[in-house]
Amino acid sequence: MAPNVLWSRLPLPGGLDHINVWLLRNDDGYAVIDTGMYTPEAVTTWQQLMADLPGNAPVRAVYATHFHPDHVGMAGWLMSQGAEQFWMTRLEYMTCRIVFSQNNDDGVPPEFDAFNRSAGWPQGAIENYTRQYGSYRKRVSQPPFSYRRLVEGQTHSLGGSDWRVVVGNGHSPEHACFYSEELKLLVSGDQVLPRISSNVSVTPMDPFANPMADWLDSLKKLRAEIPDDVMVLPAHQECFFGLHARIDELVKEQERVLGVLLESLQGSPKRALDVFDVLFSRPIPQDNLLIFNLATGEAIACLNYLYELGEITWSVDSEGGRWYQAR
């Protein structure tokens, strides 16, 4: 992609079948930004990749943009193979450690079960969630027990160039992007993607959060701080130019969706599950837990956003269902 900046892909299970990873060559080895999900296929791919790296140099440092399994899943494995430094923002690292620890054999926490029921989940989806609870721990190798902290504005010398840490929020708690003014490159992670929108979800660990406001604010911050002439290196799909136009498109579309959602709540009250047809352009299958869970989280993120604006109110019925309605 540029001198000492290499692009590779790791396989992912599911429809989004890859993650882009970025390898920056230093004098003593490579730094890698994002790692892939911990799967047998990813282990095999990394083994081949490390054997084929130019100069036969080792991976010395691991950087994770955020805590999701496809970004941090192989970090612990890479450290076990000889990498010496692991970098992450504080909130991402702590969230990774918490979620990994929560995904134990004790079963679904009652608060998580109540969260899903409040969204209107049918019994079949509840049972599917119970069966698959703990999947984060299966997709992430043992996270390193210590880390080095990435901080907004921090500069890292990688591949012979300076890269500035630019923090975003919303898709995850404290997502790190990396900007090289010299190379005119931005590693955007999942904060900005070329043809799909970042998933912005409320989780049962923080059920009344407002990540949609965080994400929209972060997009505007990126637009203000990063020049439009960069090439964007995203975590998925292809690299692209036109950062500002893409951000404008994402913001405009999200504002349109929020307007349609508010209009749909003018009539009878609805639960999160009941607004799927308003928010999403295709049916959300209940038997695909990953998609169903992400759709639920995003629906609640949109509803919490409107609630914080004072546009809607909510009430809870005798069975714990949460119903939303326009004021």
Protein backbone atom coordinates (compact mmCIF):
# COMPACT_ATOMS: atom_id res chain seq x y z
CA MET A 1 0.00 0.00 0.00
CA ALA A 2 3.03 2.23 0.62
CA PRO A 3 6.70 1.67 1.48
CA ASN A 4 6.81 -0.80 4.40
CA VAL A 5 2.99 -0.99 4.62
CA LEU A 6 1.57 -4.38 3.60
CA TRP A 7 -2.02 -5.54 3.29
CA SER A 8 -3.20 -9.07 3.98
CA ARG A 9 -6.53 -10.75 4.69
CA LEU A 10 -7.55 -13.30 7.29
CA PRO A 11 -10.56 -15.60 6.75
CA LEU A 12 -13.69 -15.14 8.85
CA PRO A 13 -16.66 -17.48 9.22
CA GLY A 14 -19.99 -16.14 7.96
CA GLY A 15 -21.06 -13.74 5.25
CA LEU A 16 -18.40 -11.12 5.97
CA ASP A 17 -15.73 -13.64 5.12
CA HIS A 18 -12.55 -11.66 5.74
CA ILE A 19 -10.80 -9.01 7.79
CA ASN A 20 -8.05 -6.80 6.44
CA VAL A 21 -4.87 -6.70 8.51
CA TRP A 22 -2.01 -4.23 8.08
CA LEU A 23 1.65 -5.14 8.54
CA LEU A 24 4.18 -2.33 8.98
CA ARG A 25 7.83 -3.28 8.57
CA ASN A 26 10.32 -1.86 11.04
CA ASP A 27 14.06 -2.52 11.17
CA ASP A 28 13.67 -5.37 13.66
CA GLY A 29 10.40 -6.90 12.44
CA TYR A 30 6.76 -6.14 11.83
CA ALA A 31 3.96 -4.42 13.69
CA VAL A 32 0.48 -5.69 12.84
CA ILE A 33 -2.75 -3.69 13.14
CA ASP A 34 -5.67 -6.06 13.86
CA THR A 35 -5.32 -9.80 14.00
CA GLY A 36 -8.34 -11.79 12.83
CA MET A 37 -10.65 -14.09 14.76
CA TYR A 38 -9.22 -17.08 16.63
CA THR A 39 -10.09 -20.01 14.37
CA PRO A 40 -8.09 -22.96 13.00
CA GLU A 41 -8.20 -21.31 9.56
CA ALA A 42 -6.76 -18.07 10.95
CA VAL A 43 -3.97 -19.94 12.75
CA THR A 44 -3.02 -21.70 9.51
CA THR A 45 -3.16 -18.44 7.56
CA TRP A 46 -0.99 -16.62 10.11
CA GLN A 47 1.57 -19.42 10.09
CA GLN A 48 1.85 -19.20 6.32
CA LEU A 49 1.84 -15.41 6.36
CA MET A 50 4.66 -15.18 8.89
CA ALA A 51 6.70 -17.67 6.89
CA ASP A 52 6.26 -15.54 3.75
CA LEU A 53 6.87 -12.05 5.20
CA PRO A 54 9.53 -10.18 3.24
CA GLY A 55 12.88 -10.30 4.98
CA ASN A 56 11.77 -13.29 7.05
CA ALA A 57 11.34 -10.85 9.94
CA PRO A 58 9.14 -11.70 12.94
CA VAL A 59 6.01 -9.98 14.22
CA ARG A 60 7.22 -7.83 17.12
CA ALA A 61 4.19 -5.70 18.02
CA VAL A 62 0.42 -6.23 17.91
CA TYR A 63 -2.05 -3.35 17.70
CA ALA A 64 -5.80 -3.94 18.05
CA THR A 65 -8.23 -1.23 16.96
CA HIS A 66 -10.95 -2.58 19.27
CA PHE A 67 -12.15 -5.57 21.27
CA HIS A 68 -14.34 -7.40 18.74
CA PRO A 69 -13.20 -10.98 18.07
CA ASP A 70 -12.20 -10.43 14.44
CA HIS A 71 -9.84 -7.64 15.53
CA VAL A 72 -8.30 -8.95 18.76
CA GLY A 73 -9.00 -12.68 18.49
CA MET A 74 -5.49 -13.73 17.41
CA ALA A 75 -3.61 -11.24 19.60
CA GLY A 76 -2.90 -13.70 22.41
CA TRP A 77 -1.79 -16.33 19.89
CA LEU A 78 0.58 -13.86 18.20
CA MET A 79 2.07 -12.96 21.58
CA SER A 80 2.62 -16.67 22.24
CA GLN A 81 4.53 -16.86 18.95
CA GLY A 82 7.06 -14.28 20.09
CA ALA A 83 5.49 -10.83 19.68
CA GLU A 84 6.73 -8.56 22.46
CA GLN A 85 4.28 -5.63 22.61
CA PHE A 86 0.48 -5.53 22.71
CA TRP A 87 -1.22 -2.15 22.20
CA MET A 88 -4.85 -1.21 22.76
CA THR A 89 -6.85 1.69 24.18
CA ARG A 90 -7.76 1.30 27.83
CA LEU A 91 -11.53 0.91 27.39
CA GLU A 92 -11.11 -1.62 24.59
CA TYR A 93 -8.64 -3.69 26.59
CA MET A 94 -10.78 -3.62 29.74
CA THR A 95 -13.91 -4.50 27.78
CA CYS A 96 -12.08 -7.39 26.13
CA ARG A 97 -10.99 -8.72 29.51
CA ILE A 98 -14.47 -8.31 31.04
CA VAL A 99 -16.35 -9.97 28.18
CA PHE A 100 -13.82 -12.80 28.00
CA SER A 101 -14.22 -13.40 31.75
CA GLN A 102 -18.03 -13.19 31.63
CA ASN A 103 -18.22 -15.83 28.91
CA ASN A 104 -17.77 -18.69 31.37
CA ASP A 105 -19.71 -21.83 32.16
CA ASP A 106 -22.06 -20.20 34.67
CA GLY A 107 -24.71 -19.62 32.00
CA VAL A 108 -26.49 -16.49 30.82
CA PRO A 109 -26.58 -13.74 33.47
CA PRO A 110 -30.20 -12.94 34.41
CA GLU A 111 -29.67 -9.31 33.38
CA PHE A 112 -28.76 -10.43 29.87
CA ASP A 113 -31.81 -12.67 29.67
CA ALA A 114 -34.03 -9.79 30.82
CA PHE A 115 -32.45 -7.50 28.19
CA ASN A 116 -33.31 -9.88 25.36
CA ARG A 117 -36.84 -10.47 26.65
CA SER A 118 -37.41 -6.73 26.97
CA ALA A 119 -36.59 -6.37 23.27
CA GLY A 120 -39.34 -8.86 22.41
CA TRP A 121 -37.26 -11.95 21.70
CA PRO A 122 -39.36 -15.09 21.19
CA GLN A 123 -38.64 -18.18 23.26
CA GLY A 124 -36.80 -19.91 20.40
CA ALA A 125 -34.30 -17.06 20.13
CA ILE A 126 -33.86 -17.03 23.91
CA GLU A 127 -33.03 -20.75 23.88
CA ASN A 128 -30.63 -20.30 20.94
CA TYR A 129 -28.85 -17.51 22.84
CA THR A 130 -28.55 -19.76 25.90
CA ARG A 131 -27.05 -22.57 23.83
CA GLN A 132 -24.49 -20.30 22.17
CA TYR A 133 -23.64 -18.08 25.13
CA GLY A 134 -19.89 -17.87 25.59
CA SER A 135 -19.02 -17.61 21.90
CA TYR A 136 -16.69 -14.63 22.51
CA ARG A 137 -14.40 -16.82 24.57
CA LYS A 138 -14.31 -19.37 21.76
CA ARG A 139 -13.40 -16.76 19.13
CA VAL A 140 -10.65 -15.02 21.12
CA SER A 141 -7.39 -16.64 22.18
CA GLN A 142 -6.41 -15.96 25.79
CA PRO A 143 -6.00 -12.15 25.82
CA PRO A 144 -2.62 -10.88 27.03
CA PHE A 145 -2.64 -10.19 30.76
CA SER A 146 -0.91 -6.85 30.26
CA TYR A 147 -0.96 -4.24 27.53
CA ARG A 148 0.42 -0.90 26.41
CA ARG A 149 -2.09 1.88 26.25
CA LEU A 150 -3.05 3.69 23.05
CA VAL A 151 -4.12 7.28 23.70
CA GLU A 152 -5.74 9.94 21.51
CA GLY A 153 -3.04 12.00 19.78
CA GLN A 154 -0.24 9.56 20.57
CA THR A 155 2.35 9.10 17.80
CA HIS A 156 3.87 5.74 16.86
CA SER A 157 6.78 5.24 14.49
CA LEU A 158 5.77 2.28 12.33
CA GLY A 159 7.30 1.27 9.03
CA GLY A 160 9.54 4.30 9.04
CA SER A 161 6.63 6.78 9.26
CA ASP A 162 4.75 8.46 12.08
CA TRP A 163 1.17 7.36 12.75
CA ARG A 164 -1.15 9.37 14.99
CA VAL A 165 -3.80 7.64 17.09
CA VAL A 166 -7.29 9.01 16.44
CA VAL A 167 -9.95 7.63 18.77
CA GLY A 168 -13.55 7.06 17.74
CA ASN A 169 -16.57 5.80 19.66
CA GLY A 170 -19.94 4.20 19.06
CA HIS A 171 -19.08 1.03 17.18
CA SER A 172 -17.03 0.14 20.24
CA PRO A 173 -16.07 2.01 23.42
CA GLU A 174 -12.70 3.56 22.44
CA HIS A 175 -11.85 2.50 18.89
CA ALA A 176 -8.33 3.38 17.69
CA CYS A 177 -7.71 4.59 14.14
CA PHE A 178 -4.21 5.33 12.82
CA TYR A 179 -3.38 8.29 10.57
CA SER A 180 -0.12 8.87 8.69
CA GLU A 181 0.12 12.42 7.39
CA GLU A 182 3.30 11.57 5.49
CA LEU A 183 1.84 8.58 3.67
CA LYS A 184 -1.70 10.00 3.44
CA LEU A 185 -3.13 6.80 4.86
CA LEU A 186 -5.85 6.20 7.47
CA VAL A 187 -6.33 2.78 9.06
CA SER A 188 -10.01 3.17 9.93
CA GLY A 189 -10.80 -0.24 11.43
CA ASP A 190 -14.59 -0.54 11.63
CA GLN A 191 -15.15 3.15 12.30
CA VAL A 192 -15.62 3.94 8.58
CA LEU A 193 -16.26 1.22 5.99
CA PRO A 194 -16.64 1.70 2.23
CA ARG A 195 -19.94 -0.02 1.39
CA ILE A 196 -21.56 -1.04 4.65
CA SER A 197 -22.35 0.89 7.79
CA SER A 198 -20.61 0.07 11.05
CA ASN A 199 -22.83 -1.83 13.44
CA VAL A 200 -23.69 0.45 16.35
CA SER A 201 -25.23 -1.60 19.14
CA VAL A 202 -26.40 -1.37 22.71
CA THR A 203 -25.35 -4.45 24.68
CA PRO A 204 -26.92 -5.99 27.79
CA MET A 205 -23.82 -4.97 29.76
CA ASP A 206 -24.74 -1.28 29.25
CA PRO A 207 -28.44 -1.32 28.30
CA PHE A 208 -29.15 2.41 28.49
CA ALA A 209 -26.06 3.61 26.61
CA ASN A 210 -26.29 5.98 23.65
CA PRO A 211 -23.61 4.70 21.22
CA MET A 212 -25.40 6.15 18.18
CA ALA A 213 -24.72 9.67 19.42
CA ASP A 214 -21.09 8.68 20.04
CA TRP A 215 -20.72 7.24 16.54
CA LEU A 216 -22.25 10.23 14.76
CA ASP A 217 -20.06 12.61 16.78
CA SER A 218 -16.99 10.51 15.99
CA LEU A 219 -17.71 10.58 12.26
CA LYS A 220 -17.91 14.37 12.36
CA LYS A 221 -14.67 14.47 14.35
CA LEU A 222 -12.88 12.29 11.79
CA ARG A 223 -14.15 14.49 8.98
CA ALA A 224 -12.82 17.60 10.74
CA GLU A 225 -9.42 16.14 11.68
CA ILE A 226 -8.45 13.92 8.73
CA PRO A 227 -7.86 15.44 5.26
CA ASP A 228 -9.97 14.20 2.38
CA ASP A 229 -6.97 13.15 0.28
CA VAL A 230 -6.11 10.10 2.38
CA MET A 231 -6.49 6.54 1.22
CA VAL A 232 -8.68 4.76 3.78
CA LEU A 233 -7.55 1.29 4.86
CA PRO A 234 -10.69 -0.27 6.38
CA ALA A 235 -11.09 -3.52 8.27
CA HIS A 236 -13.45 -4.98 5.67
CA GLN A 237 -13.99 -4.73 1.93
CA GLU A 238 -11.64 -2.64 -0.20
CA CYS A 239 -9.46 0.42 0.36
CA PHE A 240 -10.95 3.66 -0.89
CA PHE A 241 -10.57 7.39 -1.43
CA GLY A 242 -13.26 9.95 -0.59
CA LEU A 243 -13.35 9.86 3.21
CA HIS A 244 -15.41 13.03 3.59
CA ALA A 245 -18.03 12.01 1.03
CA ARG A 246 -18.35 8.60 2.67
CA ILE A 247 -18.79 10.15 6.12
CA ASP A 248 -21.41 12.57 4.75
CA GLU A 249 -23.24 9.62 3.19
CA LEU A 250 -23.18 7.62 6.42
CA VAL A 251 -24.44 10.53 8.54
CA LYS A 252 -27.18 11.43 6.07
CA GLU A 253 -28.42 7.85 5.83
CA GLN A 254 -28.44 7.37 9.60
CA GLU A 255 -30.37 10.59 10.10
CA ARG A 256 -32.89 9.44 7.48
CA VAL A 257 -33.34 6.10 9.24
CA LEU A 258 -33.83 7.80 12.60
CA GLY A 259 -36.49 10.04 11.07
CA VAL A 260 -38.36 7.07 9.61
CA LEU A 261 -38.12 5.27 12.95
CA LEU A 262 -39.55 8.26 14.82
CA GLU A 263 -42.43 8.48 12.36
CA SER A 264 -43.19 4.78 12.85
CA LEU A 265 -43.53 5.36 16.60
CA GLN A 266 -46.27 7.96 16.20
CA GLY A 267 -48.92 5.26 16.40
CA SER A 268 -49.11 2.29 18.75
CA PRO A 269 -46.05 1.50 20.90
CA LYS A 270 -43.43 -0.94 19.64
CA ARG A 271 -40.63 -3.04 21.08
CA ALA A 272 -37.14 -3.22 19.58
CA LEU A 273 -38.05 -6.38 17.65
CA ASP A 274 -41.08 -4.64 16.16
CA VAL A 275 -39.02 -1.94 14.40
CA PHE A 276 -36.74 -4.31 12.49
CA ASP A 277 -38.77 -3.85 9.30
CA VAL A 278 -38.35 -0.08 9.61
CA LEU A 279 -34.60 -0.14 10.22
CA PHE A 280 -33.38 -2.95 7.99
CA SER A 281 -33.80 -3.56 4.28
CA ARG A 282 -33.98 -7.34 4.59
CA PRO A 283 -35.62 -9.86 6.95
CA ILE A 284 -33.69 -10.62 10.14
CA PRO A 285 -33.65 -14.41 10.67
CA GLN A 286 -34.21 -15.50 14.25
CA ASP A 287 -32.18 -18.68 13.74
CA ASN A 288 -29.02 -16.70 12.89
CA LEU A 289 -28.05 -15.58 16.37
CA LEU A 290 -25.22 -13.28 15.29
CA ILE A 291 -27.37 -11.28 12.87
CA PHE A 292 -30.40 -11.32 15.19
CA ASN A 293 -28.29 -10.12 18.12
CA LEU A 294 -26.62 -7.33 16.12
CA ALA A 295 -29.98 -6.17 14.76
CA THR A 296 -31.42 -6.05 18.28
CA GLY A 297 -28.46 -4.04 19.55
CA GLU A 298 -28.69 -1.57 16.68
CA ALA A 299 -32.45 -1.16 17.05
CA ILE A 300 -32.03 -0.34 20.74
CA ALA A 301 -29.18 2.04 19.89
CA CYS A 302 -31.53 3.97 17.60
CA LEU A 303 -34.32 3.93 20.20
CA ASN A 304 -31.99 5.07 23.00
CA TYR A 305 -30.75 7.89 20.75
CA LEU A 306 -34.30 9.17 20.18
CA TYR A 307 -35.10 8.75 23.87
CA GLU A 308 -32.08 10.85 24.89
CA LEU A 309 -33.25 13.55 22.48
CA GLY A 310 -36.61 13.57 24.25
CA GLU A 311 -38.43 12.46 21.09
CA ILE A 312 -39.85 9.21 22.47
CA THR A 313 -40.80 7.64 25.77
CA TRP A 314 -40.94 4.05 26.95
CA SER A 315 -42.82 1.84 29.38
CA VAL A 316 -42.38 -1.72 30.64
CA ASP A 317 -45.20 -4.25 30.68
CA SER A 318 -45.85 -6.92 33.30
CA GLU A 319 -43.65 -9.45 31.44
CA GLY A 320 -40.66 -7.14 31.15
CA GLY A 321 -41.22 -6.04 27.54
CA ARG A 322 -40.07 -2.49 26.82
CA TRP A 323 -42.42 -0.50 24.59
CA TYR A 324 -41.47 2.73 22.82
CA GLN A 325 -43.72 5.49 21.54
CA ALA A 326 -43.31 9.03 20.19
CA ARG A 327 -44.13 11.82 22.61
